[in-house]
């Protein structure tokens, strides 16, 4: 069964359905996500601890917000710290795609 892209109910459980607060929380997530993406990009060639830390931190942030598919992809990316650059590049491509997809789902929420 495919993983849900974005669990809006999870986000709403934190915000009690306050749309302005949802926007604020998502904005904070988005800003942090861009930093995590930059950190993953910087660690792409070397991998190691820097890759793992960025993937792990981003995973926690995505999971807490309800970006389930993104969190699952980041969980799969964590062990790639010891893999080759091509594997990390493919994972980063998928992570970026799911981040953008999560953004789109959030922005089109009812």
N, C-alpha and C. Protein backbone atom coordinates (compact mmCIF):
# COMPACT_ATOMS: atom_id res chain seq x y z
N UNK A 1 0.85 -1.18 0.00
CA UNK A 1 0.00 0.00 0.00
C UNK A 1 0.90 1.25 0.00
N UNK A 2 0.60 2.21 -0.89
CA UNK A 2 1.41 3.43 -0.93
C UNK A 2 1.27 4.25 0.34
N UNK A 3 2.33 4.95 0.66
CA UNK A 3 2.33 5.82 1.84
C UNK A 3 1.62 7.12 1.47
N UNK A 4 0.78 7.60 2.36
CA UNK A 4 0.07 8.87 2.16
C UNK A 4 1.09 10.00 2.03
N UNK A 5 0.85 10.91 1.09
CA UNK A 5 1.78 12.03 0.87
C UNK A 5 1.79 12.95 2.08
N UNK A 6 0.62 13.39 2.50
CA UNK A 6 0.54 14.37 3.59
C UNK A 6 -0.70 14.08 4.41
N UNK A 7 -0.52 13.88 5.69
CA UNK A 7 -1.62 13.63 6.62
C UNK A 7 -2.07 14.96 7.22
N UNK A 8 -3.04 15.58 6.58
CA UNK A 8 -3.52 16.88 7.06
C UNK A 8 -4.15 16.77 8.44
N UNK A 9 -4.74 15.62 8.74
CA UNK A 9 -5.34 15.44 10.07
C UNK A 9 -4.28 15.51 11.16
N UNK A 10 -3.09 15.01 10.87
CA UNK A 10 -2.02 15.08 11.87
C UNK A 10 -1.64 16.54 12.12
N UNK A 11 -1.48 17.31 11.06
CA UNK A 11 -1.16 18.73 11.22
C UNK A 11 -2.28 19.43 11.99
N UNK A 12 -3.52 19.13 11.65
CA UNK A 12 -4.65 19.78 12.31
C UNK A 12 -4.76 19.38 13.78
N UNK A 13 -4.24 18.23 14.14
CA UNK A 13 -4.26 17.84 15.55
C UNK A 13 -3.37 18.75 16.39
N UNK A 14 -2.35 19.33 15.76
CA UNK A 14 -1.46 20.27 16.45
C UNK A 14 -2.03 21.69 16.47
N UNK A 15 -2.79 22.01 15.43
CA UNK A 15 -3.25 23.39 15.26
C UNK A 15 -4.71 23.58 15.63
N UNK A 16 -5.38 22.48 15.99
CA UNK A 16 -6.81 22.50 16.32
C UNK A 16 -7.64 23.13 15.20
N UNK A 17 -7.18 22.90 13.97
CA UNK A 17 -7.91 23.37 12.81
C UNK A 17 -7.75 24.85 12.50
N UNK A 18 -6.86 25.53 13.21
CA UNK A 18 -6.62 26.96 12.97
C UNK A 18 -5.78 27.10 11.69
N UNK A 19 -6.40 27.57 10.63
CA UNK A 19 -5.73 27.65 9.33
C UNK A 19 -4.52 28.59 9.34
N UNK A 20 -4.62 29.68 10.04
CA UNK A 20 -3.48 30.60 10.13
C UNK A 20 -2.30 29.92 10.82
N UNK A 21 -2.60 29.17 11.86
CA UNK A 21 -1.54 28.44 12.56
C UNK A 21 -0.97 27.33 11.68
N UNK A 22 -1.83 26.66 10.90
CA UNK A 22 -1.34 25.65 9.96
C UNK A 22 -0.34 26.28 9.00
N UNK A 23 -0.69 27.47 8.48
CA UNK A 23 0.21 28.17 7.56
C UNK A 23 1.54 28.50 8.23
N UNK A 24 1.46 28.95 9.47
CA UNK A 24 2.68 29.31 10.20
C UNK A 24 3.55 28.08 10.45
N UNK A 25 2.93 27.00 10.90
CA UNK A 25 3.68 25.76 11.17
C UNK A 25 4.30 25.23 9.88
N UNK A 26 3.51 25.24 8.81
CA UNK A 26 4.07 24.75 7.55
C UNK A 26 5.20 25.65 7.06
N UNK A 27 5.06 26.95 7.25
CA UNK A 27 6.12 27.87 6.86
C UNK A 27 7.42 27.58 7.59
N UNK A 28 7.31 27.27 8.87
CA UNK A 28 8.52 26.91 9.64
C UNK A 28 9.12 25.61 9.12
N UNK A 29 8.25 24.64 8.83
CA UNK A 29 8.73 23.37 8.26
C UNK A 29 9.43 23.62 6.93
N UNK A 30 8.81 24.43 6.09
CA UNK A 30 9.34 24.72 4.77
C UNK A 30 10.74 25.36 4.86
N UNK A 31 10.88 26.32 5.75
CA UNK A 31 12.18 26.98 5.92
C UNK A 31 13.24 25.97 6.38
N UNK A 32 12.89 25.15 7.34
CA UNK A 32 13.82 24.12 7.81
C UNK A 32 14.13 23.11 6.73
N UNK A 33 13.12 22.75 5.94
CA UNK A 33 13.31 21.78 4.87
C UNK A 33 14.32 22.28 3.85
N UNK A 34 14.25 23.55 3.53
CA UNK A 34 15.21 24.10 2.57
C UNK A 34 16.63 24.04 3.11
N UNK A 35 16.78 24.23 4.41
CA UNK A 35 18.10 24.09 5.03
C UNK A 35 18.57 22.64 5.00
N UNK A 36 17.66 21.71 5.29
CA UNK A 36 18.02 20.29 5.24
C UNK A 36 18.40 19.88 3.81
N UNK A 37 17.65 20.37 2.82
CA UNK A 37 17.97 20.05 1.42
C UNK A 37 19.36 20.57 1.06
N UNK A 38 19.69 21.76 1.52
CA UNK A 38 21.02 22.31 1.26
C UNK A 38 22.10 21.47 1.94
N UNK A 39 21.82 21.00 3.15
CA UNK A 39 22.78 20.16 3.87
C UNK A 39 22.97 18.81 3.16
N UNK A 40 21.88 18.24 2.66
CA UNK A 40 22.00 16.98 1.92
C UNK A 40 22.81 17.20 0.64
N UNK A 41 22.55 18.29 -0.04
CA UNK A 41 23.30 18.62 -1.25
C UNK A 41 24.80 18.77 -0.93
N UNK A 42 25.11 19.44 0.16
CA UNK A 42 26.50 19.65 0.55
C UNK A 42 27.19 18.34 0.91
N UNK A 43 26.43 17.37 1.43
CA UNK A 43 26.99 16.09 1.85
C UNK A 43 26.91 15.03 0.76
N UNK A 44 26.41 15.40 -0.39
CA UNK A 44 26.17 14.43 -1.46
C UNK A 44 27.43 13.65 -1.83
N UNK A 45 28.54 14.32 -2.04
CA UNK A 45 29.77 13.65 -2.47
C UNK A 45 30.42 12.80 -1.39
N UNK A 46 30.45 13.31 -0.18
CA UNK A 46 31.17 12.61 0.89
C UNK A 46 30.29 11.64 1.67
N UNK A 47 29.01 11.94 1.78
CA UNK A 47 28.13 11.08 2.58
C UNK A 47 28.49 11.18 4.05
N UNK A 48 28.61 10.06 4.69
CA UNK A 48 29.02 10.01 6.08
C UNK A 48 28.05 10.66 7.05
N UNK A 49 28.61 11.11 8.15
CA UNK A 49 27.82 11.66 9.26
C UNK A 49 26.98 12.86 8.83
N UNK A 50 27.52 13.72 7.99
CA UNK A 50 26.77 14.91 7.57
C UNK A 50 25.51 14.53 6.81
N UNK A 51 25.61 13.53 5.92
CA UNK A 51 24.44 13.06 5.18
C UNK A 51 23.42 12.47 6.15
N UNK A 52 23.89 11.60 7.04
CA UNK A 52 22.98 10.93 7.98
C UNK A 52 22.26 11.96 8.85
N UNK A 53 23.00 12.91 9.41
CA UNK A 53 22.38 13.92 10.29
C UNK A 53 21.32 14.73 9.56
N UNK A 54 21.59 15.15 8.34
CA UNK A 54 20.62 15.93 7.58
C UNK A 54 19.39 15.09 7.26
N UNK A 55 19.60 13.86 6.81
CA UNK A 55 18.46 12.98 6.49
C UNK A 55 17.65 12.68 7.74
N UNK A 56 18.32 12.41 8.83
CA UNK A 56 17.64 12.07 10.08
C UNK A 56 16.85 13.26 10.63
N UNK A 57 17.45 14.42 10.66
CA UNK A 57 16.74 15.60 11.15
C UNK A 57 15.53 15.96 10.29
N UNK A 58 15.71 15.90 8.98
CA UNK A 58 14.64 16.20 8.04
C UNK A 58 13.52 15.18 8.19
N UNK A 59 13.88 13.92 8.39
CA UNK A 59 12.89 12.86 8.58
C UNK A 59 12.01 13.16 9.79
N UNK A 60 12.61 13.54 10.89
CA UNK A 60 11.84 13.84 12.09
C UNK A 60 10.90 15.01 11.90
N UNK A 61 11.39 16.03 11.24
CA UNK A 61 10.57 17.20 10.96
C UNK A 61 9.38 16.84 10.08
N UNK A 62 9.64 16.09 9.01
CA UNK A 62 8.57 15.68 8.10
C UNK A 62 7.56 14.77 8.79
N UNK A 63 8.05 13.84 9.59
CA UNK A 63 7.15 12.92 10.29
C UNK A 63 6.27 13.65 11.29
N UNK A 64 6.83 14.58 12.01
CA UNK A 64 6.04 15.33 13.00
C UNK A 64 4.95 16.16 12.34
N UNK A 65 5.22 16.68 11.16
CA UNK A 65 4.25 17.52 10.47
C UNK A 65 3.15 16.70 9.80
N UNK A 66 3.47 15.48 9.40
CA UNK A 66 2.50 14.64 8.70
C UNK A 66 2.86 14.39 7.25
N UNK A 67 4.07 14.78 6.84
CA UNK A 67 4.54 14.53 5.48
C UNK A 67 5.08 13.10 5.43
N UNK A 68 4.16 12.15 5.38
CA UNK A 68 4.51 10.75 5.58
C UNK A 68 5.40 10.16 4.49
N UNK A 69 5.08 10.42 3.23
CA UNK A 69 5.89 9.85 2.14
C UNK A 69 7.30 10.43 2.17
N UNK A 70 7.41 11.70 2.45
CA UNK A 70 8.72 12.33 2.56
C UNK A 70 9.51 11.73 3.71
N UNK A 71 8.88 11.54 4.85
CA UNK A 71 9.55 10.94 6.01
C UNK A 71 10.02 9.52 5.69
N UNK A 72 9.21 8.76 4.95
CA UNK A 72 9.59 7.39 4.58
C UNK A 72 10.80 7.41 3.65
N UNK A 73 10.81 8.34 2.69
CA UNK A 73 11.95 8.44 1.77
C UNK A 73 13.22 8.84 2.52
N UNK A 74 13.08 9.73 3.48
CA UNK A 74 14.24 10.15 4.27
C UNK A 74 14.74 9.02 5.16
N UNK A 75 13.84 8.19 5.68
CA UNK A 75 14.26 7.03 6.46
C UNK A 75 15.08 6.08 5.59
N UNK A 76 14.65 5.92 4.34
CA UNK A 76 15.40 5.06 3.42
C UNK A 76 16.73 5.68 3.03
N UNK A 77 16.83 7.01 3.08
CA UNK A 77 18.07 7.70 2.71
C UNK A 77 19.12 7.68 3.80
N UNK A 78 18.70 7.56 5.06
CA UNK A 78 19.67 7.59 6.16
C UNK A 78 20.84 6.62 5.96
N UNK A 79 20.57 5.34 5.68
CA UNK A 79 21.69 4.40 5.55
C UNK A 79 22.56 4.63 4.31
N UNK A 80 22.13 5.51 3.41
CA UNK A 80 22.92 5.79 2.22
C UNK A 80 24.15 6.65 2.54
N UNK A 81 24.30 7.01 3.80
CA UNK A 81 25.50 7.75 4.23
C UNK A 81 26.76 6.98 3.85
N UNK A 82 26.67 5.65 3.82
CA UNK A 82 27.83 4.82 3.49
C UNK A 82 27.79 4.30 2.06
N UNK A 83 26.80 4.72 1.29
CA UNK A 83 26.66 4.25 -0.09
C UNK A 83 27.46 5.15 -1.04
N UNK A 84 27.35 4.84 -2.33
CA UNK A 84 28.06 5.66 -3.31
C UNK A 84 27.28 6.94 -3.63
N UNK A 85 27.95 7.86 -4.25
CA UNK A 85 27.36 9.16 -4.56
C UNK A 85 26.13 9.02 -5.45
N UNK A 86 26.15 8.10 -6.39
CA UNK A 86 25.01 7.92 -7.29
C UNK A 86 23.75 7.53 -6.52
N UNK A 87 23.90 6.68 -5.52
CA UNK A 87 22.75 6.28 -4.71
C UNK A 87 22.20 7.46 -3.93
N UNK A 88 23.10 8.27 -3.36
CA UNK A 88 22.65 9.46 -2.64
C UNK A 88 22.01 10.47 -3.58
N UNK A 89 22.55 10.62 -4.78
CA UNK A 89 21.97 11.56 -5.75
C UNK A 89 20.55 11.13 -6.13
N UNK A 90 20.34 9.85 -6.33
CA UNK A 90 19.01 9.35 -6.66
C UNK A 90 18.05 9.60 -5.49
N UNK A 91 18.54 9.38 -4.29
CA UNK A 91 17.70 9.61 -3.10
C UNK A 91 17.37 11.09 -2.97
N UNK A 92 18.34 11.95 -3.19
CA UNK A 92 18.10 13.39 -3.08
C UNK A 92 17.07 13.84 -4.11
N UNK A 93 17.14 13.30 -5.30
CA UNK A 93 16.15 13.61 -6.33
C UNK A 93 14.74 13.23 -5.85
N UNK A 94 14.61 12.04 -5.29
CA UNK A 94 13.30 11.58 -4.79
C UNK A 94 12.84 12.43 -3.61
N UNK A 95 13.76 12.81 -2.74
CA UNK A 95 13.42 13.64 -1.58
C UNK A 95 12.91 15.00 -2.04
N UNK A 96 13.59 15.60 -2.99
CA UNK A 96 13.15 16.91 -3.51
C UNK A 96 11.75 16.79 -4.13
N UNK A 97 11.54 15.74 -4.89
CA UNK A 97 10.24 15.52 -5.53
C UNK A 97 9.14 15.40 -4.47
N UNK A 98 9.38 14.62 -3.44
CA UNK A 98 8.36 14.43 -2.40
C UNK A 98 8.16 15.68 -1.57
N UNK A 99 9.20 16.46 -1.38
CA UNK A 99 9.04 17.74 -0.69
C UNK A 99 8.12 18.65 -1.50
N UNK A 100 8.37 18.75 -2.79
CA UNK A 100 7.52 19.59 -3.65
C UNK A 100 6.10 19.06 -3.70
N UNK A 101 5.94 17.75 -3.74
CA UNK A 101 4.61 17.15 -3.75
C UNK A 101 3.90 17.45 -2.43
N UNK A 102 4.62 17.36 -1.32
CA UNK A 102 4.03 17.68 -0.01
C UNK A 102 3.58 19.13 0.04
N UNK A 103 4.40 20.02 -0.50
CA UNK A 103 4.04 21.44 -0.57
C UNK A 103 2.74 21.62 -1.35
N UNK A 104 2.65 20.96 -2.48
CA UNK A 104 1.47 21.08 -3.34
C UNK A 104 0.22 20.57 -2.63
N UNK A 105 0.34 19.45 -1.94
CA UNK A 105 -0.80 18.90 -1.20
C UNK A 105 -1.21 19.87 -0.11
N UNK A 106 -0.25 20.41 0.61
CA UNK A 106 -0.57 21.37 1.68
C UNK A 106 -1.27 22.60 1.10
N UNK A 107 -0.74 23.15 0.04
CA UNK A 107 -1.29 24.38 -0.53
C UNK A 107 -2.67 24.18 -1.14
N UNK A 108 -2.99 22.96 -1.53
CA UNK A 108 -4.30 22.70 -2.12
C UNK A 108 -5.30 22.13 -1.11
N UNK A 109 -4.93 22.18 0.17
CA UNK A 109 -5.81 21.60 1.20
C UNK A 109 -7.16 22.31 1.21
N UNK A 110 -8.20 21.56 1.54
CA UNK A 110 -9.55 22.18 1.59
C UNK A 110 -9.70 23.14 2.76
